[in-house]
Amino acid sequence: GASTGNYEINAEYAPLRRAARWVDDCCYFFRL
């Protein structure tokens, strides 16, 4: 349930810093 991985949504933010990259990566993939 990490959603965007932002601290606003997830109180335990530190482990999510890598997973939060998914938005940028997904946008890059879509732009193909």
PDB file of all heavy atoms in Angstrom:
ATOM      1  N   GLY A   1       0.780  -1.234   0.000  1.00  0.00           N
ATOM      2  CA  GLY A   1       0.000   0.000   0.000  1.00  0.00           C
ATOM      3  C   GLY A   1       0.807   1.277   0.000  1.00  0.00           C
ATOM      4  O   GLY A   1       0.347   2.300   0.508  1.00  0.00           O
ATOM      5  N   ALA A   2       1.983   1.290  -0.591  1.00  0.00           N
ATOM      6  CA  ALA A   2       2.869   2.460  -0.536  1.00  0.00           C
ATOM      7  C   ALA A   2       2.375   3.625  -1.380  1.00  0.00           C
ATOM      8  O   ALA A   2       2.839   4.748  -1.204  1.00  0.00           O
ATOM      9  CB  ALA A   2       4.276   2.069  -0.974  1.00  0.00           C
ATOM     10  N   SER A   3       1.491   3.379  -2.332  1.00  0.00           N
ATOM     11  CA  SER A   3       0.993   4.432  -3.215  1.00  0.00           C
ATOM     12  C   SER A   3       2.172   5.109  -3.927  1.00  0.00           C
ATOM     13  O   SER A   3       2.988   4.426  -4.530  1.00  0.00           O
ATOM     14  CB  SER A   3       0.156   5.440  -2.422  1.00  0.00           C
ATOM     15  OG  SER A   3      -0.374   6.445  -3.258  1.00  0.00           O
ATOM     16  N   THR A   4       2.292   6.429  -3.851  1.00  0.00           N
ATOM     17  CA  THR A   4       3.395   7.120  -4.510  1.00  0.00           C
ATOM     18  C   THR A   4       4.709   6.962  -3.756  1.00  0.00           C
ATOM     19  O   THR A   4       5.770   7.283  -4.281  1.00  0.00           O
ATOM     20  CB  THR A   4       3.100   8.621  -4.635  1.00  0.00           C
ATOM     21  OG1 THR A   4       2.897   9.162  -3.329  1.00  0.00           O
ATOM     22  CG2 THR A   4       1.862   8.868  -5.489  1.00  0.00           C
ATOM     23  N   GLY A   5       4.628   6.503  -2.504  1.00  0.00           N
ATOM     24  CA  GLY A   5       5.832   6.373  -1.697  1.00  0.00           C
ATOM     25  C   GLY A   5       6.228   7.641  -0.967  1.00  0.00           C
ATOM     26  O   GLY A   5       7.289   7.699  -0.359  1.00  0.00           O
ATOM     27  N   ASN A   6       5.390   8.664  -1.013  1.00  0.00           N
ATOM     28  CA  ASN A   6       5.706   9.934  -0.354  1.00  0.00           C
ATOM     29  C   ASN A   6       5.479   9.855   1.151  1.00  0.00           C
ATOM     30  O   ASN A   6       4.645   9.087   1.633  1.00  0.00           O
ATOM     31  CB  ASN A   6       4.846  11.059  -0.935  1.00  0.00           C
ATOM     32  CG  ASN A   6       5.189  11.335  -2.390  1.00  0.00           C
ATOM     33  OD1 ASN A   6       6.282  11.013  -2.851  1.00  0.00           O
ATOM     34  ND2 ASN A   6       4.260  11.919  -3.105  1.00  0.00           N
ATOM     35  N   TYR A   7       6.183  10.724   1.886  1.00  0.00           N
ATOM     36  CA  TYR A   7       6.030  10.782   3.332  1.00  0.00           C
ATOM     37  C   TYR A   7       4.615  11.201   3.718  1.00  0.00           C
ATOM     38  O   TYR A   7       4.091  10.771   4.746  1.00  0.00           O
ATOM     39  CB  TYR A   7       7.042  11.764   3.926  1.00  0.00           C
ATOM     40  CG  TYR A   7       6.958  11.874   5.434  1.00  0.00           C
ATOM     41  CD1 TYR A   7       7.485  10.870   6.247  1.00  0.00           C
ATOM     42  CD2 TYR A   7       6.335  12.959   6.042  1.00  0.00           C
ATOM     43  CE1 TYR A   7       7.405  10.950   7.627  1.00  0.00           C
ATOM     44  CE2 TYR A   7       6.244  13.046   7.423  1.00  0.00           C
ATOM     45  CZ  TYR A   7       6.779  12.050   8.207  1.00  0.00           C
ATOM     46  OH  TYR A   7       6.684  12.125   9.573  1.00  0.00           O
ATOM     47  N   GLU A   8       3.984  12.036   2.916  1.00  0.00           N
ATOM     48  CA  GLU A   8       2.617  12.474   3.191  1.00  0.00           C
ATOM     49  C   GLU A   8       1.674  11.295   3.372  1.00  0.00           C
ATOM     50  O   GLU A   8       0.711  11.348   4.147  1.00  0.00           O
ATOM     51  CB  GLU A   8       2.128  13.353   2.032  1.00  0.00           C
ATOM     52  CG  GLU A   8       0.696  13.837   2.162  1.00  0.00           C
ATOM     53  CD  GLU A   8       0.225  14.593   0.936  1.00  0.00           C
ATOM     54  OE1 GLU A   8       0.768  14.341  -0.164  1.00  0.00           O
ATOM     55  OE2 GLU A   8      -0.675  15.415   1.079  1.00  0.00           O
ATOM     56  N   ILE A   9       1.940  10.208   2.675  1.00  0.00           N
ATOM     57  CA  ILE A   9       1.075   9.039   2.690  1.00  0.00           C
ATOM     58  C   ILE A   9       1.605   7.958   3.619  1.00  0.00           C
ATOM     59  O   ILE A   9       0.833   7.184   4.186  1.00  0.00           O
ATOM     60  CB  ILE A   9       0.924   8.484   1.257  1.00  0.00           C
ATOM     61  CG1 ILE A   9       0.400   9.578   0.323  1.00  0.00           C
ATOM     62  CG2 ILE A   9       0.000   7.282   1.219  1.00  0.00           C
ATOM     63  CD1 ILE A   9       0.463   9.213  -1.125  1.00  0.00           C
ATOM     64  N   ASN A  10       2.905   7.913   3.786  1.00  0.00           N
ATOM     65  CA  ASN A  10       3.537   6.834   4.543  1.00  0.00           C
ATOM     66  C   ASN A  10       4.396   7.403   5.667  1.00  0.00           C
ATOM     67  O   ASN A  10       5.416   8.057   5.409  1.00  0.00           O
ATOM     68  CB  ASN A  10       4.421   5.990   3.615  1.00  0.00           C
ATOM     69  CG  ASN A  10       3.639   5.387   2.480  1.00  0.00           C
ATOM     70  OD1 ASN A  10       3.073   4.309   2.611  1.00  0.00           O
ATOM     71  ND2 ASN A  10       3.608   6.064   1.339  1.00  0.00           N
ATOM     72  N   ALA A  11       4.016   7.157   6.902  1.00  0.00           N
ATOM     73  CA  ALA A  11       4.771   7.678   8.036  1.00  0.00           C
ATOM     74  C   ALA A  11       6.175   7.068   8.106  1.00  0.00           C
ATOM     75  O   ALA A  11       7.146   7.742   8.450  1.00  0.00           O
ATOM     76  CB  ALA A  11       4.016   7.409   9.334  1.00  0.00           C
ATOM     77  N   GLU A  12       6.272   5.789   7.778  1.00  0.00           N
ATOM     78  CA  GLU A  12       7.582   5.126   7.756  1.00  0.00           C
ATOM     79  C   GLU A  12       8.185   5.327   6.377  1.00  0.00           C
ATOM     80  O   GLU A  12       8.091   4.480   5.493  1.00  0.00           O
ATOM     81  CB  GLU A  12       7.433   3.638   8.087  1.00  0.00           C
ATOM     82  CG  GLU A  12       6.881   3.360   9.465  1.00  0.00           C
ATOM     83  CD  GLU A  12       7.816   3.864  10.558  1.00  0.00           C
ATOM     84  OE1 GLU A  12       9.046   3.841  10.348  1.00  0.00           O
ATOM     85  OE2 GLU A  12       7.317   4.277  11.618  1.00  0.00           O
ATOM     86  N   TYR A  13       8.837   6.464   6.199  1.00  0.00           N
ATOM     87  CA  TYR A  13       9.227   6.894   4.851  1.00  0.00           C
ATOM     88  C   TYR A  13      10.560   6.337   4.377  1.00  0.00           C
ATOM     89  O   TYR A  13      10.728   6.053   3.205  1.00  0.00           O
ATOM     90  CB  TYR A  13       9.271   8.422   4.800  1.00  0.00           C
ATOM     91  CG  TYR A  13       9.709   8.982   3.471  1.00  0.00           C
ATOM     92  CD1 TYR A  13       8.954   8.757   2.321  1.00  0.00           C
ATOM     93  CD2 TYR A  13      10.890   9.716   3.352  1.00  0.00           C
ATOM     94  CE1 TYR A  13       9.355   9.270   1.090  1.00  0.00           C
ATOM     95  CE2 TYR A  13      11.292  10.229   2.135  1.00  0.00           C
ATOM     96  CZ  TYR A  13      10.521  10.004   1.014  1.00  0.00           C
ATOM     97  OH  TYR A  13      10.916  10.505  -0.198  1.00  0.00           O
ATOM     98  N   ALA A  14      11.516   6.169   5.278  1.00  0.00           N
ATOM     99  CA  ALA A  14      12.885   5.862   4.859  1.00  0.00           C
ATOM    100  C   ALA A  14      12.986   4.684   3.894  1.00  0.00           C
ATOM    101  O   ALA A  14      13.651   4.796   2.849  1.00  0.00           O
ATOM    102  CB  ALA A  14      13.768   5.627   6.091  1.00  0.00           C
ATOM    103  N   PRO A  15      12.344   3.541   4.152  1.00  0.00           N
ATOM    104  CA  PRO A  15      12.474   2.421   3.215  1.00  0.00           C
ATOM    105  C   PRO A  15      11.827   2.683   1.860  1.00  0.00           C
ATOM    106  O   PRO A  15      12.060   1.937   0.917  1.00  0.00           O
ATOM    107  CB  PRO A  15      11.754   1.267   3.932  1.00  0.00           C
ATOM    108  CG  PRO A  15      11.667   1.688   5.353  1.00  0.00           C
ATOM    109  CD  PRO A  15      11.555   3.172   5.328  1.00  0.00           C
ATOM    110  N   LEU A  16      11.000   3.735   1.782  1.00  0.00           N
ATOM    111  CA  LEU A  16      10.262   3.983   0.548  1.00  0.00           C
ATOM    112  C   LEU A  16      11.015   4.875  -0.432  1.00  0.00           C
ATOM    113  O   LEU A  16      10.549   5.097  -1.539  1.00  0.00           O
ATOM    114  CB  LEU A  16       8.911   4.633   0.880  1.00  0.00           C
ATOM    115  CG  LEU A  16       7.890   3.690   1.521  1.00  0.00           C
ATOM    116  CD1 LEU A  16       6.771   4.478   2.167  1.00  0.00           C
ATOM    117  CD2 LEU A  16       7.328   2.739   0.482  1.00  0.00           C
ATOM    118  N   ARG A  17      12.150   5.389  -0.029  1.00  0.00           N
ATOM    119  CA  ARG A  17      12.825   6.364  -0.883  1.00  0.00           C
ATOM    120  C   ARG A  17      13.195   5.787  -2.240  1.00  0.00           C
ATOM    121  O   ARG A  17      13.158   6.467  -3.254  1.00  0.00           O
ATOM    122  CB  ARG A  17      14.060   6.923  -0.169  1.00  0.00           C
ATOM    123  CG  ARG A  17      13.670   7.830   0.996  1.00  0.00           C
ATOM    124  CD  ARG A  17      14.871   8.296   1.789  1.00  0.00           C
ATOM    125  NE  ARG A  17      14.435   9.117   2.915  1.00  0.00           N
ATOM    126  CZ  ARG A  17      15.190   9.408   3.952  1.00  0.00           C
ATOM    127  NH1 ARG A  17      16.424   8.937   4.021  1.00  0.00           N
ATOM    128  NH2 ARG A  17      14.720  10.156   4.924  1.00  0.00           N
ATOM    129  N   ARG A  18      13.552   4.519  -2.262  1.00  0.00           N
ATOM    130  CA  ARG A  18      13.846   3.883  -3.553  1.00  0.00           C
ATOM    131  C   ARG A  18      12.561   3.568  -4.299  1.00  0.00           C
ATOM    132  O   ARG A  18      12.453   3.811  -5.494  1.00  0.00           O
ATOM    133  CB  ARG A  18      14.664   2.604  -3.340  1.00  0.00           C
ATOM    134  CG  ARG A  18      16.103   2.858  -2.935  1.00  0.00           C
ATOM    135  CD  ARG A  18      16.868   1.565  -2.883  1.00  0.00           C
ATOM    136  NE  ARG A  18      16.949   0.947  -4.196  1.00  0.00           N
ATOM    137  CZ  ARG A  18      17.182  -0.354  -4.396  1.00  0.00           C
ATOM    138  NH1 ARG A  18      17.355  -1.157  -3.350  1.00  0.00           N
ATOM    139  NH2 ARG A  18      17.249  -0.837  -5.615  1.00  0.00           N
ATOM    140  N   ALA A  19      11.569   3.015  -3.595  1.00  0.00           N
ATOM    141  CA  ALA A  19      10.319   2.642  -4.257  1.00  0.00           C
ATOM    142  C   ALA A  19       9.604   3.854  -4.826  1.00  0.00           C
ATOM    143  O   ALA A  19       8.883   3.742  -5.822  1.00  0.00           O
ATOM    144  CB  ALA A  19       9.411   1.899  -3.279  1.00  0.00           C
ATOM    145  N   ALA A  20       9.801   5.026  -4.220  1.00  0.00           N
ATOM    146  CA  ALA A  20       9.134   6.234  -4.704  1.00  0.00           C
ATOM    147  C   ALA A  20       9.582   6.616  -6.107  1.00  0.00           C
ATOM    148  O   ALA A  20       8.928   7.433  -6.762  1.00  0.00           O
ATOM    149  CB  ALA A  20       9.388   7.389  -3.731  1.00  0.00           C
ATOM    150  N   ARG A  21      10.657   6.028  -6.580  1.00  0.00           N
ATOM    151  CA  ARG A  21      11.120   6.293  -7.948  1.00  0.00           C
ATOM    152  C   ARG A  21      10.177   5.725  -8.999  1.00  0.00           C
ATOM    153  O   ARG A  21      10.314   6.028 -10.183  1.00  0.00           O
ATOM    154  CB  ARG A  21      12.508   5.672  -8.160  1.00  0.00           C
ATOM    155  CG  ARG A  21      13.586   6.161  -7.215  1.00  0.00           C
ATOM    156  CD  ARG A  21      14.859   5.369  -7.446  1.00  0.00           C
ATOM    157  NE  ARG A  21      15.881   5.666  -6.454  1.00  0.00           N
ATOM    158  CZ  ARG A  21      17.053   5.043  -6.385  1.00  0.00           C
ATOM    159  NH1 ARG A  21      17.342   4.085  -7.253  1.00  0.00           N
ATOM    160  NH2 ARG A  21      17.932   5.363  -5.451  1.00  0.00           N
ATOM    161  N   TRP A  22       9.250   4.883  -8.568  1.00  0.00           N
ATOM    162  CA  TRP A  22       8.428   4.184  -9.555  1.00  0.00           C
ATOM    163  C   TRP A  22       7.643   5.153 -10.439  1.00  0.00           C
ATOM    164  O   TRP A  22       7.414   4.850 -11.634  1.00  0.00           O
ATOM    165  CB  TRP A  22       7.487   3.187  -8.883  1.00  0.00           C
ATOM    166  CG  TRP A  22       6.248   3.767  -8.274  1.00  0.00           C
ATOM    167  CD1 TRP A  22       6.055   4.114  -6.971  1.00  0.00           C
ATOM    168  CD2 TRP A  22       5.020   4.057  -8.947  1.00  0.00           C
ATOM    169  NE1 TRP A  22       4.790   4.616  -6.778  1.00  0.00           N
ATOM    170  CE2 TRP A  22       4.130   4.595  -7.979  1.00  0.00           C
ATOM    171  CE3 TRP A  22       4.568   3.925 -10.260  1.00  0.00           C
ATOM    172  CZ2 TRP A  22       2.833   4.994  -8.291  1.00  0.00           C
ATOM    173  CZ3 TRP A  22       3.272   4.330 -10.577  1.00  0.00           C
ATOM    174  CH2 TRP A  22       2.421   4.855  -9.595  1.00  0.00           C
ATOM    175  N   VAL A  23       7.235   6.308  -9.908  1.00  0.00           N
ATOM    176  CA  VAL A  23       6.453   7.248 -10.722  1.00  0.00           C
ATOM    177  C   VAL A  23       7.280   7.736 -11.906  1.00  0.00           C
ATOM    178  O   VAL A  23       6.821   7.711 -13.064  1.00  0.00           O
ATOM    179  CB  VAL A  23       5.954   8.435  -9.877  1.00  0.00           C
ATOM    180  CG1 VAL A  23       5.254   9.457 -10.778  1.00  0.00           C
ATOM    181  CG2 VAL A  23       4.996   7.958  -8.788  1.00  0.00           C
ATOM    182  N   ASP A  24       8.512   8.167 -11.647  1.00  0.00           N
ATOM    183  CA  ASP A  24       9.384   8.612 -12.736  1.00  0.00           C
ATOM    184  C   ASP A  24       9.644   7.488 -13.731  1.00  0.00           C
ATOM    185  O   ASP A  24       9.619   7.696 -14.953  1.00  0.00           O
ATOM    186  CB  ASP A  24      10.718   9.114 -12.176  1.00  0.00           C
ATOM    187  CG  ASP A  24      10.606  10.473 -11.520  1.00  0.00           C
ATOM    188  OD1 ASP A  24       9.663  11.223 -11.851  1.00  0.00           O
ATOM    189  OD2 ASP A  24      11.450  10.790 -10.660  1.00  0.00           O
ATOM    190  N   ASP A  25       9.897   6.294 -13.202  1.00  0.00           N
ATOM    191  CA  ASP A  25      10.194   5.166 -14.093  1.00  0.00           C
ATOM    192  C   ASP A  25       8.979   4.788 -14.928  1.00  0.00           C
ATOM    193  O   ASP A  25       9.098   4.456 -16.113  1.00  0.00           O
ATOM    194  CB  ASP A  25      10.660   3.959 -13.276  1.00  0.00           C
ATOM    195  CG  ASP A  25      12.051   4.151 -12.693  1.00  0.00           C
ATOM    196  OD1 ASP A  25      12.807   4.997 -13.218  1.00  0.00           O
ATOM    197  OD2 ASP A  25      12.382   3.461 -11.711  1.00  0.00           O
ATOM    198  N   CYS A  26       7.804   4.831 -14.318  1.00  0.00           N
ATOM    199  CA  CYS A  26       6.585   4.503 -15.049  1.00  0.00           C
ATOM    200  C   CYS A  26       6.328   5.522 -16.147  1.00  0.00           C
ATOM    201  O   CYS A  26       5.960   5.162 -17.275  1.00  0.00           O
ATOM    202  CB  CYS A  26       5.403   4.435 -14.085  1.00  0.00           C
ATOM    203  SG  CYS A  26       3.859   3.889 -14.844  1.00  0.00           S
ATOM    204  N   CYS A  27       6.526   6.806 -15.842  1.00  0.00           N
ATOM    205  CA  CYS A  27       6.343   7.849 -16.863  1.00  0.00           C
ATOM    206  C   CYS A  27       7.319   7.654 -18.019  1.00  0.00           C
ATOM    207  O   CYS A  27       6.951   7.814 -19.194  1.00  0.00           O
ATOM    208  CB  CYS A  27       6.527   9.229 -16.245  1.00  0.00           C
ATOM    209  SG  CYS A  27       5.190   9.726 -15.134  1.00  0.00           S
ATOM    210  N   TYR A  28       8.559   7.301 -17.693  1.00  0.00           N
ATOM    211  CA  TYR A  28       9.542   7.035 -18.747  1.00  0.00           C
ATOM    212  C   TYR A  28       9.073   5.879 -19.626  1.00  0.00           C
ATOM    213  O   TYR A  28       9.148   5.956 -20.866  1.00  0.00           O
ATOM    214  CB  TYR A  28      10.906   6.705 -18.132  1.00  0.00           C
ATOM    215  CG  TYR A  28      11.994   6.489 -19.160  1.00  0.00           C
ATOM    216  CD1 TYR A  28      12.810   7.531 -19.575  1.00  0.00           C
ATOM    217  CD2 TYR A  28      12.185   5.232 -19.737  1.00  0.00           C
ATOM    218  CE1 TYR A  28      13.799   7.343 -20.536  1.00  0.00           C
ATOM    219  CE2 TYR A  28      13.165   5.024 -20.694  1.00  0.00           C
ATOM    220  CZ  TYR A  28      13.969   6.081 -21.085  1.00  0.00           C
ATOM    221  OH  TYR A  28      14.939   5.881 -22.045  1.00  0.00           O
ATOM    222  N   PHE A  29       8.585   4.820 -19.009  1.00  0.00           N
ATOM    223  CA  PHE A  29       8.099   3.668 -19.769  1.00  0.00           C
ATOM    224  C   PHE A  29       6.922   4.062 -20.654  1.00  0.00           C
ATOM    225  O   PHE A  29       6.884   3.737 -21.843  1.00  0.00           O
ATOM    226  CB  PHE A  29       7.692   2.552 -18.814  1.00  0.00           C
ATOM    227  CG  PHE A  29       7.210   1.304 -19.501  1.00  0.00           C
ATOM    228  CD1 PHE A  29       8.104   0.411 -20.067  1.00  0.00           C
ATOM    229  CD2 PHE A  29       5.855   1.022 -19.586  1.00  0.00           C
ATOM    230  CE1 PHE A  29       7.663  -0.744 -20.709  1.00  0.00           C
ATOM    231  CE2 PHE A  29       5.400  -0.124 -20.224  1.00  0.00           C
ATOM    232  CZ  PHE A  29       6.315  -1.017 -20.784  1.00  0.00           C
ATOM    233  N   PHE A  30       5.960   4.785 -20.118  1.00  0.00           N
ATOM    234  CA  PHE A  30       4.804   5.211 -20.912  1.00  0.00           C
ATOM    235  C   PHE A  30       5.231   6.068 -22.096  1.00  0.00           C
ATOM    236  O   PHE A  30       4.639   5.996 -23.179  1.00  0.00           O
ATOM    237  CB  PHE A  30       3.813   5.975 -20.049  1.00  0.00           C
ATOM    238  CG  PHE A  30       2.993   5.115 -19.113  1.00  0.00           C
ATOM    239  CD1 PHE A  30       2.140   5.700 -18.173  1.00  0.00           C
ATOM    240  CD2 PHE A  30       3.050   3.727 -19.160  1.00  0.00           C
ATOM    241  CE1 PHE A  30       1.377   4.924 -17.316  1.00  0.00           C
ATOM    242  CE2 PHE A  30       2.284   2.936 -18.302  1.00  0.00           C
ATOM    243  CZ  PHE A  30       1.449   3.551 -17.378  1.00  0.00           C
ATOM    244  N   ARG A  31       6.262   6.886 -21.884  1.00  0.00           N
ATOM    245  CA  ARG A  31       6.682   7.787 -22.967  1.00  0.00           C
ATOM    246  C   ARG A  31       7.343   7.043 -24.132  1.00  0.00           C
ATOM    247  O   ARG A  31       7.564   7.629 -25.198  1.00  0.00           O
ATOM    248  CB  ARG A  31       7.618   8.874 -22.415  1.00  0.00           C
ATOM    249  CG  ARG A  31       6.854   9.919 -21.619  1.00  0.00           C
ATOM    250  CD  ARG A  31       7.648  11.223 -21.472  1.00  0.00           C
ATOM    251  NE  ARG A  31       6.797  12.232 -20.887  1.00  0.00           N
ATOM    252  CZ  ARG A  31       6.712  12.503 -19.600  1.00  0.00           C
ATOM    253  NH1 ARG A  31       7.437  11.805 -18.733  1.00  0.00           N
ATOM    254  NH2 ARG A  31       5.913  13.452 -19.156  1.00  0.00           N
ATOM    255  N   LEU A  32       7.634   5.769 -23.953  1.00  0.00           N
ATOM    256  CA  LEU A  32       8.086   4.964 -25.089  1.00  0.00           C
ATOM    257  C   LEU A  32       6.983   4.801 -26.112  1.00  0.00           C
ATOM    258  O   LEU A  32       7.252   4.437 -27.269  1.00  0.00           O
ATOM    259  CB  LEU A  32       8.531   3.572 -24.599  1.00  0.00           C
ATOM    260  CG  LEU A  32       9.725   3.527 -23.633  1.00  0.00           C
ATOM    261  CD1 LEU A  32       9.952   2.088 -23.176  1.00  0.00           C
ATOM    262  CD2 LEU A  32      10.979   4.099 -24.275  1.00  0.00           C
TER     263      LEU A  32
END
